[in-house]
Amino acid sequence: MTVELERMETVFAGAGEASPEALDLYGRTAGNLRRLLESVGLQRRARDITPSLQSYLAQREGRTA
């Protein structure tokens, strides 16, 4: 299902648009995939990816040098 969703995204991007029917199929497929993943116990988990001020400044300093 994941590969098919990615294939559909590629088609959408290449065409620059998607038909209402294709978007409906994409939405239903994505929903089914989510439900399948939840049924096997996979859950989304939020994770903080914000850098600390010190690491941000150190990284920025490295770019300007």
C-alpha atoms as a PDB file:
ATOM      1  CA  MET A   1       0.000   0.000   0.000  1.00  0.00           C
ATOM      2  CA  THR A   2       2.822   2.382   0.809  1.00  0.00           C
ATOM      3  CA  VAL A   3       4.437   1.812  -2.575  1.00  0.00           C
ATOM      4  CA  GLU A   4       1.127   2.324  -4.355  1.00  0.00           C
ATOM      5  CA  LEU A   5       0.533   5.572  -2.472  1.00  0.00           C
ATOM      6  CA  GLU A   6       3.999   6.784  -3.439  1.00  0.00           C
ATOM      7  CA  ARG A   7       3.338   5.805  -7.054  1.00  0.00           C
ATOM      8  CA  MET A   8       0.120   7.795  -7.007  1.00  0.00           C
ATOM      9  CA  GLU A   9       1.955  10.801  -5.539  1.00  0.00           C
ATOM     10  CA  THR A  10       4.488  10.582  -8.376  1.00  0.00           C
ATOM     11  CA  VAL A  11       1.695  10.577 -10.949  1.00  0.00           C
ATOM     12  CA  PHE A  12       0.032  13.558  -9.252  1.00  0.00           C
ATOM     13  CA  ALA A  13       3.295  15.489  -9.174  1.00  0.00           C
ATOM     14  CA  GLY A  14       4.122  14.664 -12.781  1.00  0.00           C
ATOM     15  CA  ALA A  15       0.708  15.739 -14.018  1.00  0.00           C
ATOM     16  CA  GLY A  16       0.540  18.741 -11.715  1.00  0.00           C
ATOM     17  CA  GLU A  17      -2.974  17.736 -10.724  1.00  0.00           C
ATOM     18  CA  ALA A  18      -5.155  14.855  -9.661  1.00  0.00           C
ATOM     19  CA  SER A  19      -8.702  13.965 -10.582  1.00  0.00           C
ATOM     20  CA  PRO A  20     -11.336  13.882  -7.857  1.00  0.00           C
ATOM     21  CA  GLU A  21     -11.597  10.110  -8.332  1.00  0.00           C
ATOM     22  CA  ALA A  22      -7.830   9.653  -7.944  1.00  0.00           C
ATOM     23  CA  LEU A  23      -7.801  11.817  -4.806  1.00  0.00           C
ATOM     24  CA  ASP A  24     -10.677   9.804  -3.380  1.00  0.00           C
ATOM     25  CA  LEU A  25      -8.826   6.543  -4.038  1.00  0.00           C
ATOM     26  CA  TYR A  26      -5.652   8.010  -2.516  1.00  0.00           C
ATOM     27  CA  GLY A  27      -7.514   9.100   0.617  1.00  0.00           C
ATOM     28  CA  ARG A  28      -9.238   5.751   1.060  1.00  0.00           C
ATOM     29  CA  THR A  29      -5.978   3.849   0.519  1.00  0.00           C
ATOM     30  CA  ALA A  30      -4.110   6.055   3.009  1.00  0.00           C
ATOM     31  CA  GLY A  31      -6.879   5.558   5.564  1.00  0.00           C
ATOM     32  CA  ASN A  32      -6.784   1.795   5.102  1.00  0.00           C
ATOM     33  CA  LEU A  33      -3.013   1.779   5.515  1.00  0.00           C
ATOM     34  CA  ARG A  34      -3.286   3.794   8.727  1.00  0.00           C
ATOM     35  CA  ARG A  35      -5.884   1.399  10.126  1.00  0.00           C
ATOM     36  CA  LEU A  36      -3.762  -1.627   9.200  1.00  0.00           C
ATOM     37  CA  LEU A  37      -0.692  -0.158  10.864  1.00  0.00           C
ATOM     38  CA  GLU A  38      -2.684   0.668  13.990  1.00  0.00           C
ATOM     39  CA  SER A  39      -4.091  -2.868  14.094  1.00  0.00           C
ATOM     40  CA  VAL A  40      -0.571  -4.333  14.267  1.00  0.00           C
ATOM     41  CA  GLY A  41       0.315  -1.939  17.059  1.00  0.00           C
ATOM     42  CA  LEU A  42       2.193   0.824  15.282  1.00  0.00           C
ATOM     43  CA  GLN A  43       1.354   4.275  16.536  1.00  0.00           C
ATOM     44  CA  ARG A  44       2.536   7.741  15.664  1.00  0.00           C
ATOM     45  CA  ARG A  45       4.754   9.238  18.314  1.00  0.00           C
ATOM     46  CA  ALA A  46       5.604  12.904  18.513  1.00  0.00           C
ATOM     47  CA  ARG A  47       9.272  13.646  18.829  1.00  0.00           C
ATOM     48  CA  ASP A  48      10.923  16.963  19.549  1.00  0.00           C
ATOM     49  CA  ILE A  49      13.271  17.790  16.682  1.00  0.00           C
ATOM     50  CA  THR A  50      13.846  21.397  17.697  1.00  0.00           C
ATOM     51  CA  PRO A  51      17.560  22.017  18.273  1.00  0.00           C
ATOM     52  CA  SER A  52      18.703  23.616  21.504  1.00  0.00           C
ATOM     53  CA  LEU A  53      19.754  27.245  21.304  1.00  0.00           C
ATOM     54  CA  GLN A  54      23.378  26.266  21.879  1.00  0.00           C
ATOM     55  CA  SER A  55      23.427  23.699  19.065  1.00  0.00           C
ATOM     56  CA  TYR A  56      21.613  26.078  16.714  1.00  0.00           C
ATOM     57  CA  LEU A  57      24.105  28.861  17.378  1.00  0.00           C
ATOM     58  CA  ALA A  58      27.046  26.468  17.026  1.00  0.00           C
ATOM     59  CA  GLN A  59      25.708  25.217  13.698  1.00  0.00           C
ATOM     60  CA  ARG A  60      25.077  28.752  12.488  1.00  0.00           C
ATOM     61  CA  GLU A  61      28.567  29.804  13.568  1.00  0.00           C
ATOM     62  CA  GLY A  62      30.022  26.899  11.592  1.00  0.00           C
ATOM     63  CA  ARG A  63      28.302  28.070   8.405  1.00  0.00           C
ATOM     64  CA  THR A  64      29.510  31.653   8.643  1.00  0.00           C
ATOM     65  CA  ALA A  65      33.129  30.732   9.258  1.00  0.00           C
END
